PDB file of N, CA and C in Angstrom:
ATOM      1  N   MET A   1     103.652 136.983 115.119  1.00  0.00           N
ATOM      2  CA  MET A   1     102.864 136.201 114.181  1.00  0.00           C
ATOM      3  C   MET A   1     103.825 135.489 113.220  1.00  0.00           C
ATOM      4  N   THR A   2     103.608 134.187 113.026  1.00  0.00           N
ATOM      5  CA  THR A   2     104.477 133.406 112.153  1.00  0.00           C
ATOM      6  C   THR A   2     104.179 133.714 110.682  1.00  0.00           C
ATOM      7  N   LYS A   3     105.070 133.281 109.820  1.00  0.00           N
ATOM      8  CA  LYS A   3     104.883 133.455 108.377  1.00  0.00           C
ATOM      9  C   LYS A   3     103.588 132.776 107.930  1.00  0.00           C
ATOM     10  N   SER A   4     103.339 131.565 108.428  1.00  0.00           N
ATOM     11  CA  SER A   4     102.116 130.841 108.063  1.00  0.00           C
ATOM     12  C   SER A   4     100.875 131.575 108.545  1.00  0.00           C
ATOM     13  N   GLU A   5     100.915 132.101 109.751  1.00  0.00           N
ATOM     14  CA  GLU A   5      99.763 132.842 110.280  1.00  0.00           C
ATOM     15  C   GLU A   5      99.482 134.083 109.440  1.00  0.00           C
ATOM     16  N   LYS A   6     100.533 134.766 109.026  1.00  0.00           N
ATOM     17  CA  LYS A   6     100.364 135.939 108.164  1.00  0.00           C
ATOM     18  C   LYS A   6      99.738 135.544 106.826  1.00  0.00           C
ATOM     19  N   LEU A   7     100.228 134.451 106.239  1.00  0.00           N
ATOM     20  CA  LEU A   7      99.662 133.965 104.971  1.00  0.00           C
ATOM     21  C   LEU A   7      98.194 133.597 105.130  1.00  0.00           C
ATOM     22  N   ILE A   8      97.876 132.869 106.190  1.00  0.00           N
ATOM     23  CA  ILE A   8      96.487 132.450 106.439  1.00  0.00           C
ATOM     24  C   ILE A   8      95.576 133.674 106.514  1.00  0.00           C
ATOM     25  N   ASN A   9      96.003 134.690 107.237  1.00  0.00           N
ATOM     26  CA  ASN A   9      95.181 135.890 107.376  1.00  0.00           C
ATOM     27  C   ASN A   9      95.073 136.672 106.079  1.00  0.00           C
ATOM     28  N   LYS A  10      96.141 136.722 105.293  1.00  0.00           N
ATOM     29  CA  LYS A  10      96.073 137.390 103.987  1.00  0.00           C
ATOM     30  C   LYS A  10      95.088 136.675 103.066  1.00  0.00           C
ATOM     31  N   ILE A  11      95.100 135.346 103.107  1.00  0.00           N
ATOM     32  CA  ILE A  11      94.168 134.565 102.290  1.00  0.00           C
ATOM     33  C   ILE A  11      92.738 134.828 102.746  1.00  0.00           C
ATOM     34  N   ALA A  12      92.507 134.782 104.051  1.00  0.00           N
ATOM     35  CA  ALA A  12      91.161 134.984 104.593  1.00  0.00           C
ATOM     36  C   ALA A  12      90.620 136.374 104.269  1.00  0.00           C
ATOM     37  N   GLN A  13      91.501 137.358 104.187  1.00  0.00           N
ATOM     38  CA  GLN A  13      91.084 138.733 103.928  1.00  0.00           C
ATOM     39  C   GLN A  13      91.143 139.099 102.443  1.00  0.00           C
ATOM     40  N   ASN A  14      91.297 138.092 101.587  1.00  0.00           N
ATOM     41  CA  ASN A  14      91.345 138.291 100.130  1.00  0.00           C
ATOM     42  C   ASN A  14      92.487 139.203  99.690  1.00  0.00           C
ATOM     43  N   GLN A  15      93.548 139.241 100.460  1.00  0.00           N
ATOM     44  CA  GLN A  15      94.739 139.986 100.059  1.00  0.00           C
ATOM     45  C   GLN A  15      95.677 139.090  99.251  1.00  0.00           C
ATOM     46  N   LEU A  16      95.368 137.805  99.241  1.00  0.00           N
ATOM     47  CA  LEU A  16      96.138 136.812  98.499  1.00  0.00           C
ATOM     48  C   LEU A  16      95.152 135.795  97.951  1.00  0.00           C
ATOM     49  N   GLU A  17      95.224 135.523  96.670  1.00  0.00           N
ATOM     50  CA  GLU A  17      94.308 134.580  96.019  1.00  0.00           C
ATOM     51  C   GLU A  17      94.422 133.212  96.688  1.00  0.00           C
ATOM     52  N   PHE A  18      93.281 132.548  96.875  1.00  0.00           N
ATOM     53  CA  PHE A  18      93.216 131.311  97.653  1.00  0.00           C
ATOM     54  C   PHE A  18      94.181 130.240  97.159  1.00  0.00           C
ATOM     55  N   ASN A  19      94.123 129.871  95.883  1.00  0.00           N
ATOM     56  CA  ASN A  19      94.970 128.786  95.371  1.00  0.00           C
ATOM     57  C   ASN A  19      96.456 129.116  95.469  1.00  0.00           C
ATOM     58  N   SER A  20      96.794 130.362  95.204  1.00  0.00           N
ATOM     59  CA  SER A  20      98.198 130.782  95.336  1.00  0.00           C
ATOM     60  C   SER A  20      98.634 130.691  96.791  1.00  0.00           C
ATOM     61  N   GLY A  21      97.750 131.105  97.692  1.00  0.00           N
ATOM     62  CA  GLY A  21      98.055 131.051  99.114  1.00  0.00           C
ATOM     63  C   GLY A  21      98.229 129.638  99.616  1.00  0.00           C
ATOM     64  N   VAL A  22      97.376 128.735  99.158  1.00  0.00           N
ATOM     65  CA  VAL A  22      97.501 127.323  99.550  1.00  0.00           C
ATOM     66  C   VAL A  22      98.850 126.787  99.102  1.00  0.00           C
ATOM     67  N   MET A  23      99.227 127.095  97.867  1.00  0.00           N
ATOM     68  CA  MET A  23     100.522 126.614  97.358  1.00  0.00           C
ATOM     69  C   MET A  23     101.670 127.141  98.216  1.00  0.00           C
ATOM     70  N   LEU A  24     101.601 128.412  98.607  1.00  0.00           N
ATOM     71  CA  LEU A  24     102.655 128.986  99.456  1.00  0.00           C
ATOM     72  C   LEU A  24     102.703 128.306 100.824  1.00  0.00           C
ATOM     73  N   LEU A  25     101.535 128.022 101.393  1.00  0.00           N
ATOM     74  CA  LEU A  25     101.495 127.346 102.699  1.00  0.00           C
ATOM     75  C   LEU A  25     102.051 125.931 102.635  1.00  0.00           C
ATOM     76  N   LEU A  26     101.811 125.257 101.527  1.00  0.00           N
ATOM     77  CA  LEU A  26     102.162 123.839 101.422  1.00  0.00           C
ATOM     78  C   LEU A  26     103.499 123.573 100.733  1.00  0.00           C
ATOM     79  N   GLU A  27     104.197 124.612 100.353  1.00  0.00           N
ATOM     80  CA  GLU A  27     105.465 124.382  99.666  1.00  0.00           C
ATOM     81  C   GLU A  27     106.548 123.954 100.649  1.00  0.00           C
ATOM     82  N   GLY A  28     107.478 123.196 100.134  1.00  0.00           N
ATOM     83  CA  GLY A  28     108.628 122.775 100.943  1.00  0.00           C
ATOM     84  C   GLY A  28     108.246 121.881 102.108  1.00  0.00           C
ATOM     85  N   ASP A  29     108.982 122.019 103.165  1.00  0.00           N
ATOM     86  CA  ASP A  29     108.765 121.200 104.353  1.00  0.00           C
ATOM     87  C   ASP A  29     107.836 121.910 105.324  1.00  0.00           C
ATOM     88  N   TYR A  30     106.584 122.003 104.956  1.00  0.00           N
ATOM     89  CA  TYR A  30     105.622 122.638 105.842  1.00  0.00           C
ATOM     90  C   TYR A  30     105.360 121.718 107.038  1.00  0.00           C
ATOM     91  N   ASN A  31     104.872 122.285 108.107  1.00  0.00           N
ATOM     92  CA  ASN A  31     104.599 121.525 109.325  1.00  0.00           C
ATOM     93  C   ASN A  31     103.090 121.318 109.439  1.00  0.00           C
ATOM     94  N   PHE A  32     102.621 120.110 109.103  1.00  0.00           N
ATOM     95  CA  PHE A  32     101.184 119.829 109.113  1.00  0.00           C
ATOM     96  C   PHE A  32     100.574 120.091 110.480  1.00  0.00           C
ATOM     97  N   LYS A  33     101.195 119.560 111.527  1.00  0.00           N
ATOM     98  CA  LYS A  33     100.614 119.702 112.865  1.00  0.00           C
ATOM     99  C   LYS A  33     100.469 121.160 113.269  1.00  0.00           C
ATOM    100  N   ALA A  34     101.475 121.969 112.980  1.00  0.00           N
ATOM    101  CA  ALA A  34     101.408 123.392 113.333  1.00  0.00           C
ATOM    102  C   ALA A  34     100.313 124.103 112.531  1.00  0.00           C
ATOM    103  N   LEU A  35     100.245 123.841 111.220  1.00  0.00           N
ATOM    104  CA  LEU A  35      99.200 124.451 110.388  1.00  0.00           C
ATOM    105  C   LEU A  35      97.820 123.982 110.813  1.00  0.00           C
ATOM    106  N   PHE A  36      97.689 122.697 111.069  1.00  0.00           N
ATOM    107  CA  PHE A  36      96.405 122.127 111.490  1.00  0.00           C
ATOM    108  C   PHE A  36      95.941 122.787 112.786  1.00  0.00           C
ATOM    109  N   THR A  37      96.831 122.892 113.755  1.00  0.00           N
ATOM    110  CA  THR A  37      96.484 123.492 115.047  1.00  0.00           C
ATOM    111  C   THR A  37      96.093 124.957 114.883  1.00  0.00           C
ATOM    112  N   THR A  38      96.858 125.689 114.095  1.00  0.00           N
ATOM    113  CA  THR A  38      96.551 127.099 113.858  1.00  0.00           C
ATOM    114  C   THR A  38      95.186 127.250 113.209  1.00  0.00           C
ATOM    115  N   LEU A  39      94.937 126.495 112.142  1.00  0.00           N
ATOM    116  CA  LEU A  39      93.656 126.597 111.448  1.00  0.00           C
ATOM    117  C   LEU A  39      92.497 126.148 112.330  1.00  0.00           C
ATOM    118  N   HIS A  40      92.710 125.102 113.094  1.00  0.00           N
ATOM    119  CA  HIS A  40      91.669 124.638 114.022  1.00  0.00           C
ATOM    120  C   HIS A  40      91.292 125.754 114.995  1.00  0.00           C
ATOM    121  N   ASN A  41      92.291 126.358 115.608  1.00  0.00           N
ATOM    122  CA  ASN A  41      92.040 127.444 116.565  1.00  0.00           C
ATOM    123  C   ASN A  41      91.380 128.644 115.887  1.00  0.00           C
ATOM    124  N   TYR A  42      91.855 129.004 114.705  1.00  0.00           N
ATOM    125  CA  TYR A  42      91.275 130.142 113.989  1.00  0.00           C
ATOM    126  C   TYR A  42      89.807 129.883 113.648  1.00  0.00           C
ATOM    127  N   ILE A  43      89.506 128.673 113.186  1.00  0.00           N
ATOM    128  CA  ILE A  43      88.122 128.337 112.820  1.00  0.00           C
ATOM    129  C   ILE A  43      87.227 128.394 114.055  1.00  0.00           C
ATOM    130  N   ILE A  44      87.649 127.765 115.129  1.00  0.00           N
ATOM    131  CA  ILE A  44      86.839 127.747 116.345  1.00  0.00           C
ATOM    132  C   ILE A  44      86.568 129.168 116.831  1.00  0.00           C
ATOM    133  N   ASN A  45      87.559 130.038 116.739  1.00  0.00           N
ATOM    134  CA  ASN A  45      87.376 131.417 117.188  1.00  0.00           C
ATOM    135  C   ASN A  45      86.568 132.274 116.223  1.00  0.00           C
ATOM    136  N   SER A  46      86.452 131.846 114.979  1.00  0.00           N
ATOM    137  CA  SER A  46      85.721 132.655 113.994  1.00  0.00           C
ATOM    138  C   SER A  46      84.238 132.298 113.921  1.00  0.00           C
ATOM    139  N   ILE A  47      83.843 131.218 114.564  1.00  0.00           N
ATOM    140  CA  ILE A  47      82.443 130.793 114.527  1.00  0.00           C
ATOM    141  C   ILE A  47      81.714 131.391 115.725  1.00  0.00           C
ATOM    142  N   PRO A  48      80.639 132.139 115.475  1.00  0.00           N
ATOM    143  CA  PRO A  48      79.970 132.828 116.579  1.00  0.00           C
ATOM    144  C   PRO A  48      79.289 131.906 117.593  1.00  0.00           C
ATOM    145  N   ASN A  49      78.673 130.831 117.156  1.00  0.00           N
ATOM    146  CA  ASN A  49      77.945 129.948 118.063  1.00  0.00           C
ATOM    147  C   ASN A  49      78.895 128.887 118.608  1.00  0.00           C
ATOM    148  N   LYS A  50      79.405 129.121 119.803  1.00  0.00           N
ATOM    149  CA  LYS A  50      80.421 128.230 120.385  1.00  0.00           C
ATOM    150  C   LYS A  50      79.832 126.967 121.007  1.00  0.00           C
ATOM    151  N   THR A  51      78.507 126.830 121.016  1.00  0.00           N
ATOM    152  CA  THR A  51      77.934 125.626 121.612  1.00  0.00           C
ATOM    153  C   THR A  51      77.939 124.447 120.653  1.00  0.00           C
ATOM    154  N   ASN A  52      77.685 124.706 119.365  1.00  0.00           N
ATOM    155  CA  ASN A  52      77.696 123.579 118.425  1.00  0.00           C
ATOM    156  C   ASN A  52      78.442 123.882 117.119  1.00  0.00           C
ATOM    157  N   TYR A  53      78.935 125.088 116.966  1.00  0.00           N
ATOM    158  CA  TYR A  53      79.722 125.478 115.789  1.00  0.00           C
ATOM    159  C   TYR A  53      78.980 125.279 114.472  1.00  0.00           C
ATOM    160  N   ASP A  54      77.681 125.344 114.525  1.00  0.00           N
ATOM    161  CA  ASP A  54      76.886 125.091 113.328  1.00  0.00           C
ATOM    162  C   ASP A  54      76.291 126.389 112.790  1.00  0.00           C
ATOM    163  N   SER A  55      77.132 127.341 112.463  1.00  0.00           N
ATOM    164  CA  SER A  55      76.653 128.609 111.926  1.00  0.00           C
ATOM    165  C   SER A  55      76.356 128.468 110.434  1.00  0.00           C
ATOM    166  N   ASP A  56      75.617 129.426 109.916  1.00  0.00           N
ATOM    167  CA  ASP A  56      75.354 129.434 108.474  1.00  0.00           C
ATOM    168  C   ASP A  56      76.655 129.539 107.689  1.00  0.00           C
ATOM    169  N   ALA A  57      77.574 130.361 108.179  1.00  0.00           N
ATOM    170  CA  ALA A  57      78.857 130.530 107.490  1.00  0.00           C
ATOM    171  C   ALA A  57      79.637 129.212 107.470  1.00  0.00           C
ATOM    172  N   TYR A  58      79.618 128.487 108.575  1.00  0.00           N
ATOM    173  CA  TYR A  58      80.318 127.195 108.639  1.00  0.00           C
ATOM    174  C   TYR A  58      79.696 126.213 107.647  1.00  0.00           C
ATOM    175  N   GLN A  59      78.382 126.166 107.604  1.00  0.00           N
ATOM    176  CA  GLN A  59      77.708 125.261 106.666  1.00  0.00           C
ATOM    177  C   GLN A  59      77.975 125.665 105.218  1.00  0.00           C
ATOM    178  N   THR A  60      77.983 126.956 104.947  1.00  0.00           N
ATOM    179  CA  THR A  60      78.318 127.443 103.602  1.00  0.00           C
ATOM    180  C   THR A  60      79.735 127.019 103.235  1.00  0.00           C
ATOM    181  N   ALA A  61      80.656 127.191 104.182  1.00  0.00           N
ATOM    182  CA  ALA A  61      82.049 126.809 103.937  1.00  0.00           C
ATOM    183  C   ALA A  61      82.153 125.320 103.624  1.00  0.00           C
ATOM    184  N   LEU A  62      81.483 124.494 104.416  1.00  0.00           N
ATOM    185  CA  LEU A  62      81.522 123.037 104.181  1.00  0.00           C
ATOM    186  C   LEU A  62      81.023 122.683 102.790  1.00  0.00           C
ATOM    187  N   ASN A  63      79.986 123.371 102.361  1.00  0.00           N
ATOM    188  CA  ASN A  63      79.362 123.037 101.080  1.00  0.00           C
ATOM    189  C   ASN A  63      80.060 123.650  99.869  1.00  0.00           C
ATOM    190  N   THR A  64      81.082 124.469 100.111  1.00  0.00           N
ATOM    191  CA  THR A  64      81.774 125.112  98.987  1.00  0.00           C
ATOM    192  C   THR A  64      83.281 124.849  98.991  1.00  0.00           C
ATOM    193  N   ILE A  65      83.743 123.915  99.805  1.00  0.00           N
ATOM    194  CA  ILE A  65      85.174 123.592  99.841  1.00  0.00           C
ATOM    195  C   ILE A  65      85.627 123.238  98.428  1.00  0.00           C
ATOM    196  N   PRO A  66      86.702 123.856  97.948  1.00  0.00           N
ATOM    197  CA  PRO A  66      87.137 123.637  96.566  1.00  0.00           C
ATOM    198  C   PRO A  66      87.923 122.330  96.375  1.00  0.00           C
ATOM    199  N   LEU A  67      87.345 121.250  96.845  1.00  0.00           N
ATOM    200  CA  LEU A  67      87.882 119.899  96.649  1.00  0.00           C
ATOM    201  C   LEU A  67      86.724 119.024  96.201  1.00  0.00           C
ATOM    202  N   LYS A  68      87.028 117.858  95.683  1.00  0.00           N
ATOM    203  CA  LYS A  68      85.969 116.921  95.325  1.00  0.00           C
ATOM    204  C   LYS A  68      85.160 116.593  96.577  1.00  0.00           C
ATOM    205  N   SER A  69      83.853 116.528  96.421  1.00  0.00           N
ATOM    206  CA  SER A  69      82.993 116.239  97.580  1.00  0.00           C
ATOM    207  C   SER A  69      83.244 114.852  98.151  1.00  0.00           C
ATOM    208  N   SER A  70      83.901 114.004  97.372  1.00  0.00           N
ATOM    209  CA  SER A  70      84.211 112.652  97.836  1.00  0.00           C
ATOM    210  C   SER A  70      85.578 112.550  98.505  1.00  0.00           C
ATOM    211  N   SER A  71      86.321 113.666  98.566  1.00  0.00           N
ATOM    212  CA  SER A  71      87.637 113.600  99.210  1.00  0.00           C
ATOM    213  C   SER A  71      87.451 113.357 100.706  1.00  0.00           C
ATOM    214  N   THR A  72      88.358 112.617 101.274  1.00  0.00           N
ATOM    215  CA  THR A  72      88.230 112.178 102.663  1.00  0.00           C
ATOM    216  C   THR A  72      88.000 113.323 103.645  1.00  0.00           C
ATOM    217  N   PRO A  73      88.775 114.408 103.622  1.00  0.00           N
ATOM    218  CA  PRO A  73      88.522 115.482 104.583  1.00  0.00           C
ATOM    219  C   PRO A  73      87.122 116.090 104.457  1.00  0.00           C
ATOM    220  N   VAL A  74      86.642 116.257 103.231  1.00  0.00           N
ATOM    221  CA  VAL A  74      85.314 116.833 103.019  1.00  0.00           C
ATOM    222  C   VAL A  74      84.245 115.890 103.564  1.00  0.00           C
ATOM    223  N   VAL A  75      84.374 114.621 103.292  1.00  0.00           N
ATOM    224  CA  VAL A  75      83.406 113.638 103.794  1.00  0.00           C
ATOM    225  C   VAL A  75      83.382 113.653 105.322  1.00  0.00           C
ATOM    226  N   ILE A  76      84.542 113.676 105.928  1.00  0.00           N
ATOM    227  CA  ILE A  76      84.618 113.704 107.401  1.00  0.00           C
ATOM    228  C   ILE A  76      83.961 114.962 107.953  1.00  0.00           C
ATOM    229  N   LEU A  77      84.288 116.106 107.379  1.00  0.00           N
ATOM    230  CA  LEU A  77      83.736 117.375 107.858  1.00  0.00           C
ATOM    231  C   LEU A  77      82.219 117.440 107.724  1.00  0.00           C
ATOM    232  N   LYS A  78      81.684 116.827 106.674  1.00  0.00           N
ATOM    233  CA  LYS A  78      80.241 116.858 106.456  1.00  0.00           C
ATOM    234  C   LYS A  78      79.499 115.772 107.246  1.00  0.00           C
ATOM    235  N   THR A  79      80.206 114.726 107.635  1.00  0.00           N
ATOM    236  CA  THR A  79      79.561 113.589 108.281  1.00  0.00           C
ATOM    237  C   THR A  79      79.521 113.707 109.802  1.00  0.00           C
ATOM    238  N   TYR A  80      80.555 114.261 110.377  1.00  0.00           N
ATOM    239  CA  TYR A  80      80.699 114.269 111.830  1.00  0.00           C
ATOM    240  C   TYR A  80      80.534 115.677 112.405  1.00  0.00           C
ATOM    241  N   SER A  81      80.242 115.721 113.696  1.00  0.00           N
ATOM    242  CA  SER A  81      80.200 117.016 114.383  1.00  0.00           C
ATOM    243  C   SER A  81      81.585 117.646 114.279  1.00  0.00           C
ATOM    244  N   THR A  82      81.659 118.933 114.455  1.00  0.00           N
ATOM    245  CA  THR A  82      82.927 119.652 114.303  1.00  0.00           C
ATOM    246  C   THR A  82      84.015 119.063 115.187  1.00  0.00           C
ATOM    247  N   LYS A  83      83.716 118.839 116.439  1.00  0.00           N
ATOM    248  CA  LYS A  83      84.724 118.320 117.377  1.00  0.00           C
ATOM    249  C   LYS A  83      85.250 116.959 116.926  1.00  0.00           C
ATOM    250  N   ILE A  84      84.356 116.050 116.584  1.00  0.00           N
ATOM    251  CA  ILE A  84      84.759 114.707 116.141  1.00  0.00           C
ATOM    252  C   ILE A  84      85.486 114.780 114.802  1.00  0.00           C
ATOM    253  N   ALA A  85      84.997 115.621 113.898  1.00  0.00           N
ATOM    254  CA  ALA A  85      85.626 115.747 112.579  1.00  0.00           C
ATOM    255  C   ALA A  85      87.082 116.188 112.717  1.00  0.00           C
ATOM    256  N   PHE A  86      87.336 117.174 113.576  1.00  0.00           N
ATOM    257  CA  PHE A  86      88.710 117.643 113.743  1.00  0.00           C
ATOM    258  C   PHE A  86      89.595 116.566 114.360  1.00  0.00           C
ATOM    259  N   GLN A  87      89.053 115.784 115.259  1.00  0.00           N
ATOM    260  CA  GLN A  87      89.826 114.679 115.833  1.00  0.00           C
ATOM    261  C   GLN A  87      90.192 113.670 114.747  1.00  0.00           C
ATOM    262  N   LYS A  88      89.251 113.370 113.875  1.00  0.00           N
ATOM    263  CA  LYS A  88      89.502 112.410 112.794  1.00  0.00           C
ATOM    264  C   LYS A  88      90.476 112.975 111.750  1.00  0.00           C
ATOM    265  N   LEU A  89      90.339 114.258 111.435  1.00  0.00           N
ATOM    266  CA  LEU A  89      91.236 114.882 110.456  1.00  0.00           C
ATOM    267  C   LEU A  89      92.683 114.845 110.932  1.00  0.00           C
ATOM    268  N   ALA A  90      92.888 115.029 112.209  1.00  0.00           N
ATOM    269  CA  ALA A  90      94.249 115.032 112.763  1.00  0.00           C
ATOM    270  C   ALA A  90      94.926 113.673 112.629  1.00  0.00           C
ATOM    271  N   LEU A  91      94.138 112.621 112.464  1.00  0.00           N
ATOM    272  CA  LEU A  91      94.675 111.263 112.411  1.00  0.00           C
ATOM    273  C   LEU A  91      94.769 110.688 110.999  1.00  0.00           C
ATOM    274  N   LEU A  92      94.410 111.479 109.999  1.00  0.00           N
ATOM    275  CA  LEU A  92      94.457 110.972 108.621  1.00  0.00           C
ATOM    276  C   LEU A  92      95.894 110.703 108.191  1.00  0.00           C
ATOM    277  N   PRO A  93      96.078 109.805 107.214  1.00  0.00           N
ATOM    278  CA  PRO A  93      97.427 109.519 106.714  1.00  0.00           C
ATOM    279  C   PRO A  93      98.041 110.736 106.010  1.00  0.00           C
ATOM    280  N   VAL A  94      99.337 110.700 105.859  1.00  0.00           N
ATOM    281  CA  VAL A  94     100.109 111.806 105.273  1.00  0.00           C
ATOM    282  C   VAL A  94      99.566 112.233 103.913  1.00  0.00           C
ATOM    283  N   ASP A  95      99.110 111.281 103.102  1.00  0.00           N
ATOM    284  CA  ASP A  95      98.652 111.646 101.755  1.00  0.00           C
ATOM    285  C   ASP A  95      97.338 112.436 101.756  1.00  0.00           C
ATOM    286  N   GLU A  96      96.710 112.590 102.916  1.00  0.00           N
ATOM    287  CA  GLU A  96      95.489 113.398 103.031  1.00  0.00           C
ATOM    288  C   GLU A  96      95.756 114.768 103.652  1.00  0.00           C
ATOM    289  N   GLU A  97      96.987 115.027 104.059  1.00  0.00           N
ATOM    290  CA  GLU A  97      97.301 116.253 104.794  1.00  0.00           C
ATOM    291  C   GLU A  97      97.056 117.525 103.976  1.00  0.00           C
ATOM    292  N   LYS A  98      97.490 117.543 102.736  1.00  0.00           N
ATOM    293  CA  LYS A  98      97.344 118.754 101.927  1.00  0.00           C
ATOM    294  C   LYS A  98      95.874 119.063 101.655  1.00  0.00           C
ATOM    295  N   LYS A  99      95.081 118.036 101.426  1.00  0.00           N
ATOM    296  CA  LYS A  99      93.643 118.252 101.229  1.00  0.00           C
ATOM    297  C   LYS A  99      93.002 118.742 102.528  1.00  0.00           C
ATOM    298  N   THR A 100      93.473 118.229 103.648  1.00  0.00           N
ATOM    299  CA  THR A 100      92.943 118.659 104.942  1.00  0.00           C
ATOM    300  C   THR A 100      93.234 120.138 105.171  1.00  0.00           C
ATOM    301  N   ILE A 101      94.459 120.548 104.916  1.00  0.00           N
ATOM    302  CA  ILE A 101      94.831 121.958 105.085  1.00  0.00           C
ATOM    303  C   ILE A 101      94.027 122.838 104.138  1.00  0.00           C
ATOM    304  N   THR A 102      93.848 122.403 102.901  1.00  0.00           N
ATOM    305  CA  THR A 102      93.061 123.163 101.924  1.00  0.00           C
ATOM    306  C   THR A 102      91.631 123.346 102.424  1.00  0.00           C
ATOM    307  N   ALA A 103      91.023 122.272 102.901  1.00  0.00           N
ATOM    308  CA  ALA A 103      89.645 122.334 103.400  1.00  0.00           C
ATOM    309  C   ALA A 103      89.535 123.265 104.602  1.00  0.00           C
ATOM    310  N   LEU A 104      90.457 123.143 105.535  1.00  0.00           N
ATOM    311  CA  LEU A 104      90.398 123.979 106.739  1.00  0.00           C
ATOM    312  C   LEU A 104      90.656 125.444 106.425  1.00  0.00           C
ATOM    313  N   LEU A 105      91.580 125.698 105.514  1.00  0.00           N
ATOM    314  CA  LEU A 105      91.846 127.078 105.124  1.00  0.00           C
ATOM    315  C   LEU A 105      90.608 127.701 104.489  1.00  0.00           C
ATOM    316  N   TRP A 106      89.920 126.938 103.657  1.00  0.00           N
ATOM    317  CA  TRP A 106      88.693 127.437 103.026  1.00  0.00           C
ATOM    318  C   TRP A 106      87.630 127.735 104.090  1.00  0.00           C
ATOM    319  N   ILE A 107      87.464 126.829 105.031  1.00  0.00           N
ATOM    320  CA  ILE A 107      86.478 127.039 106.094  1.00  0.00           C
ATOM    321  C   ILE A 107      86.813 128.315 106.870  1.00  0.00           C
ATOM    322  N   PHE A 108      88.086 128.494 107.208  1.00  0.00           N
ATOM    323  CA  PHE A 108      88.458 129.702 107.934  1.00  0.00           C
ATOM    324  C   PHE A 108      88.198 130.948 107.092  1.00  0.00           C
ATOM    325  N   LYS A 109      88.535 130.893 105.823  1.00  0.00           N
ATOM    326  CA  LYS A 109      88.318 132.047 104.939  1.00  0.00           C
ATOM    327  C   LYS A 109      86.848 132.466 104.964  1.00  0.00           C
ATOM    328  N   ILE A 110      85.954 131.503 104.861  1.00  0.00           N
ATOM    329  CA  ILE A 110      84.518 131.808 104.818  1.00  0.00           C
ATOM    330  C   ILE A 110      84.010 132.265 106.188  1.00  0.00           C
ATOM    331  N   THR A 111      84.357 131.538 107.242  1.00  0.00           N
ATOM    332  CA  THR A 111      83.839 131.892 108.571  1.00  0.00           C
ATOM    333  C   THR A 111      84.431 133.209 109.080  1.00  0.00           C
ATOM    334  N   ASP A 112      85.692 133.463 108.778  1.00  0.00           N
ATOM    335  CA  ASP A 112      86.306 134.707 109.225  1.00  0.00           C
ATOM    336  C   ASP A 112      85.744 135.900 108.453  1.00  0.00           C
ATOM    337  N   THR A 113      85.473 135.718 107.179  1.00  0.00           N
ATOM    338  CA  THR A 113      84.851 136.787 106.397  1.00  0.00           C
ATOM    339  C   THR A 113      83.498 137.145 106.992  1.00  0.00           C
ATOM    340  N   GLU A 114      82.722 136.138 107.341  1.00  0.00           N
ATOM    341  CA  GLU A 114      81.415 136.376 107.959  1.00  0.00           C
ATOM    342  C   GLU A 114      81.577 137.090 109.302  1.00  0.00           C
ATOM    343  N   ARG A 115      82.534 136.665 110.096  1.00  0.00           N
ATOM    344  CA  ARG A 115      82.774 137.294 111.400  1.00  0.00           C
ATOM    345  C   ARG A 115      83.152 138.762 111.220  1.00  0.00           C
ATOM    346  N   ARG A 116      84.040 139.027 110.278  1.00  0.00           N
ATOM    347  CA  ARG A 116      84.455 140.412 110.045  1.00  0.00           C
ATOM    348  C   ARG A 116      83.306 141.263 109.526  1.00  0.00           C
ATOM    349  N   ASN A 117      82.414 140.669 108.720  1.00  0.00           N
ATOM    350  CA  ASN A 117      81.301 141.414 108.151  1.00  0.00           C
ATOM    351  C   ASN A 117      80.152 141.628 109.140  1.00  0.00           C
ATOM    352  N   THR A 118      80.128 140.888 110.213  1.00  0.00           N
ATOM    353  CA  THR A 118      79.035 141.024 111.180  1.00  0.00           C
ATOM    354  C   THR A 118      79.547 141.543 112.515  1.00  0.00           C
ATOM    355  N   GLU A 119      80.311 140.744 113.209  1.00  0.00           N
ATOM    356  CA  GLU A 119      80.765 141.098 114.552  1.00  0.00           C
ATOM    357  C   GLU A 119      81.683 142.314 114.566  1.00  0.00           C
ATOM    358  N   CYS A 120      82.618 142.387 113.656  1.00  0.00           N
ATOM    359  CA  CYS A 120      83.594 143.491 113.674  1.00  0.00           C
ATOM    360  C   CYS A 120      82.965 144.819 113.279  1.00  0.00           C
ATOM    361  N   LYS A 121      81.927 144.789 112.463  1.00  0.00           N
ATOM    362  CA  LYS A 121      81.292 146.032 112.040  1.00  0.00           C
ATOM    363  C   LYS A 121      80.571 146.723 113.194  1.00  0.00           C
ATOM    364  N   ARG A 122      80.218 145.952 114.231  1.00  0.00           N
ATOM    365  CA  ARG A 122      79.566 146.545 115.403  1.00  0.00           C
ATOM    366  C   ARG A 122      80.463 147.562 116.088  1.00  0.00           C
ATOM    367  N   TRP A 123      81.752 147.356 115.980  1.00  0.00           N
ATOM    368  CA  TRP A 123      82.710 148.191 116.706  1.00  0.00           C
ATOM    369  C   TRP A 123      83.126 149.427 115.918  1.00  0.00           C
ATOM    370  N   LEU A 124      82.667 149.547 114.712  1.00  0.00           N
ATOM    371  CA  LEU A 124      83.062 150.714 113.892  1.00  0.00           C
ATOM    372  C   LEU A 124      82.161 151.900 114.145  1.00  0.00           C
TER     373      LEU A 124
END
């Protein structure tokens, strides 16, 4: 597991405060493509309904992203289907990358928490 993957999971599990975790992920020469791909995969795997990815947790995450509702990544995520939104997010200019990572990290935090509270409890 990479350093970024460990940080992402600590943030999702509330072992690291969200804003502090975002700053750690985005400090220095972070790799947007690698973070984007990791978060994309984590989000897709954390959503229970794989046919349309429109779970209650996903919708809650979209509506509570800690960015301005008018920020480009938030608008894209709320306007387009998940598949199309992720394609568009990957193509945004460099100045939108940090907001994109913040939005995706928040979505993963919310959807993974829901997954752990529902699906994982079945196995205990």
